[in-house]
Amino acid sequence: MDYPLTVKFFMLTGVLAWGMLFYMAILWIKHRQIPKKFSASATLLAILGLIPFMIRLDAIIFLALPAFLFVIYLCHYSWSTPVTSKHA
């Protein structure tokens, strides 16, 4: 299938956001520090990945909404937890 370049870009950002969410969830489960820039980037990529579906009012938004809310939570978690020293 041939998609326009902008659609390919949004698909790529969605795939990257899912991968980053997976990595952040692993860090969260293991009680490790989630880098702040990484969590902010994942949130922005998730927003970019949802834009085409919001424009078309696609029903897949309801499937992606729990994951998007989890990204928001992990971003809040990473910014609210104090940074731990590696040498402590």
C-alpha atoms as a PDB file:
ATOM      1  CA  MET A   1       0.000   0.000   0.000  1.00  0.00           C
ATOM      2  CA  ASP A   2       1.199   3.458  -0.796  1.00  0.00           C
ATOM      3  CA  TYR A   3       0.590   6.076   1.879  1.00  0.00           C
ATOM      4  CA  PRO A   4       1.429   9.771   1.740  1.00  0.00           C
ATOM      5  CA  LEU A   5       4.640  10.785   3.492  1.00  0.00           C
ATOM      6  CA  THR A   6       2.807  12.513   6.354  1.00  0.00           C
ATOM      7  CA  VAL A   7       0.787   9.374   7.118  1.00  0.00           C
ATOM      8  CA  LYS A   8       3.997   7.319   7.144  1.00  0.00           C
ATOM      9  CA  PHE A   9       5.516   9.842   9.560  1.00  0.00           C
ATOM     10  CA  PHE A  10       2.577   9.577  11.961  1.00  0.00           C
ATOM     11  CA  MET A  11       2.650   5.766  11.729  1.00  0.00           C
ATOM     12  CA  LEU A  12       6.348   5.786  12.587  1.00  0.00           C
ATOM     13  CA  THR A  13       5.795   8.062  15.585  1.00  0.00           C
ATOM     14  CA  GLY A  14       3.049   5.744  16.814  1.00  0.00           C
ATOM     15  CA  VAL A  15       5.343   2.719  16.559  1.00  0.00           C
ATOM     16  CA  LEU A  16       8.128   4.578  18.367  1.00  0.00           C
ATOM     17  CA  ALA A  17       5.717   5.677  21.088  1.00  0.00           C
ATOM     18  CA  TRP A  18       4.575   2.085  21.684  1.00  0.00           C
ATOM     19  CA  GLY A  19       8.193   0.923  21.912  1.00  0.00           C
ATOM     20  CA  MET A  20       9.063   3.689  24.349  1.00  0.00           C
ATOM     21  CA  LEU A  21       5.975   2.888  26.429  1.00  0.00           C
ATOM     22  CA  PHE A  22       7.075  -0.748  26.587  1.00  0.00           C
ATOM     23  CA  TYR A  23      10.544   0.263  27.822  1.00  0.00           C
ATOM     24  CA  MET A  24       9.119   2.732  30.362  1.00  0.00           C
ATOM     25  CA  ALA A  25       6.749   0.060  31.686  1.00  0.00           C
ATOM     26  CA  ILE A  26       9.673  -2.324  32.183  1.00  0.00           C
ATOM     27  CA  LEU A  27      11.563   0.346  34.131  1.00  0.00           C
ATOM     28  CA  TRP A  28       8.436   1.105  36.179  1.00  0.00           C
ATOM     29  CA  ILE A  29       7.872  -2.569  37.032  1.00  0.00           C
ATOM     30  CA  LYS A  30      11.505  -2.964  38.125  1.00  0.00           C
ATOM     31  CA  HIS A  31      11.238   0.226  40.245  1.00  0.00           C
ATOM     32  CA  ARG A  32      13.989   1.946  38.276  1.00  0.00           C
ATOM     33  CA  GLN A  33      14.297   5.611  37.444  1.00  0.00           C
ATOM     34  CA  ILE A  34      12.602   6.630  34.179  1.00  0.00           C
ATOM     35  CA  PRO A  35      14.615   9.385  32.460  1.00  0.00           C
ATOM     36  CA  LYS A  36      12.629  12.615  32.308  1.00  0.00           C
ATOM     37  CA  LYS A  37      13.548  13.474  28.717  1.00  0.00           C
ATOM     38  CA  PHE A  38      12.673   9.956  27.625  1.00  0.00           C
ATOM     39  CA  SER A  39       9.220  10.090  29.210  1.00  0.00           C
ATOM     40  CA  ALA A  40       8.513  13.545  27.791  1.00  0.00           C
ATOM     41  CA  SER A  41       9.583  12.357  24.328  1.00  0.00           C
ATOM     42  CA  ALA A  42       7.338   9.300  24.589  1.00  0.00           C
ATOM     43  CA  THR A  43       4.385  11.501  25.532  1.00  0.00           C
ATOM     44  CA  LEU A  44       4.966  13.837  22.594  1.00  0.00           C
ATOM     45  CA  LEU A  45       5.341  10.907  20.190  1.00  0.00           C
ATOM     46  CA  ALA A  46       2.126   9.371  21.529  1.00  0.00           C
ATOM     47  CA  ILE A  47       0.297  12.636  20.880  1.00  0.00           C
ATOM     48  CA  LEU A  48       1.708  12.804  17.349  1.00  0.00           C
ATOM     49  CA  GLY A  49       0.768   9.166  16.747  1.00  0.00           C
ATOM     50  CA  LEU A  50      -2.847   9.805  17.751  1.00  0.00           C
ATOM     51  CA  ILE A  51      -3.381  12.940  15.634  1.00  0.00           C
ATOM     52  CA  PRO A  52      -4.455  11.212  12.379  1.00  0.00           C
ATOM     53  CA  PHE A  53      -6.932   9.015  14.241  1.00  0.00           C
ATOM     54  CA  MET A  54      -8.383  12.004  16.092  1.00  0.00           C
ATOM     55  CA  ILE A  55      -8.822  13.883  12.813  1.00  0.00           C
ATOM     56  CA  ARG A  56     -10.688  10.958  11.230  1.00  0.00           C
ATOM     57  CA  LEU A  57     -12.614  10.268  14.473  1.00  0.00           C
ATOM     58  CA  ASP A  58     -11.528   6.645  14.258  1.00  0.00           C
ATOM     59  CA  ALA A  59     -12.745   4.167  16.884  1.00  0.00           C
ATOM     60  CA  ILE A  60      -9.180   2.948  17.476  1.00  0.00           C
ATOM     61  CA  ILE A  61      -8.763   5.986  19.727  1.00  0.00           C
ATOM     62  CA  PHE A  62     -10.737   4.113  22.382  1.00  0.00           C
ATOM     63  CA  LEU A  63      -8.298   1.203  22.164  1.00  0.00           C
ATOM     64  CA  ALA A  64      -5.263   3.480  22.383  1.00  0.00           C
ATOM     65  CA  LEU A  65      -6.659   5.682  25.160  1.00  0.00           C
ATOM     66  CA  PRO A  66      -5.612   3.430  28.101  1.00  0.00           C
ATOM     67  CA  ALA A  67      -2.056   3.246  26.772  1.00  0.00           C
ATOM     68  CA  PHE A  68      -1.993   7.006  26.225  1.00  0.00           C
ATOM     69  CA  LEU A  69      -3.193   7.602  29.793  1.00  0.00           C
ATOM     70  CA  PHE A  70      -0.523   5.188  31.047  1.00  0.00           C
ATOM     71  CA  VAL A  71       2.117   7.211  29.175  1.00  0.00           C
ATOM     72  CA  ILE A  72       0.813  10.363  30.860  1.00  0.00           C
ATOM     73  CA  TYR A  73       0.992   8.631  34.261  1.00  0.00           C
ATOM     74  CA  LEU A  74       4.546   7.383  33.664  1.00  0.00           C
ATOM     75  CA  CYS A  75       5.608  10.854  32.545  1.00  0.00           C
ATOM     76  CA  HIS A  76       4.155  12.304  35.759  1.00  0.00           C
ATOM     77  CA  TYR A  77       5.813   9.521  37.763  1.00  0.00           C
ATOM     78  CA  SER A  78       9.226  10.180  36.225  1.00  0.00           C
ATOM     79  CA  TRP A  79       9.010  13.914  36.899  1.00  0.00           C
ATOM     80  CA  SER A  80       7.712  13.540  40.471  1.00  0.00           C
ATOM     81  CA  THR A  81      10.202  10.945  41.746  1.00  0.00           C
ATOM     82  CA  PRO A  82      13.517  12.275  43.037  1.00  0.00           C
ATOM     83  CA  VAL A  83      16.633  11.416  41.084  1.00  0.00           C
ATOM     84  CA  THR A  84      18.639   8.724  42.830  1.00  0.00           C
ATOM     85  CA  SER A  85      22.392   8.723  42.750  1.00  0.00           C
ATOM     86  CA  LYS A  86      24.110   5.780  41.090  1.00  0.00           C
ATOM     87  CA  HIS A  87      26.965   5.915  43.612  1.00  0.00           C
ATOM     88  CA  ALA A  88      24.825   5.738  46.760  1.00  0.00           C
END
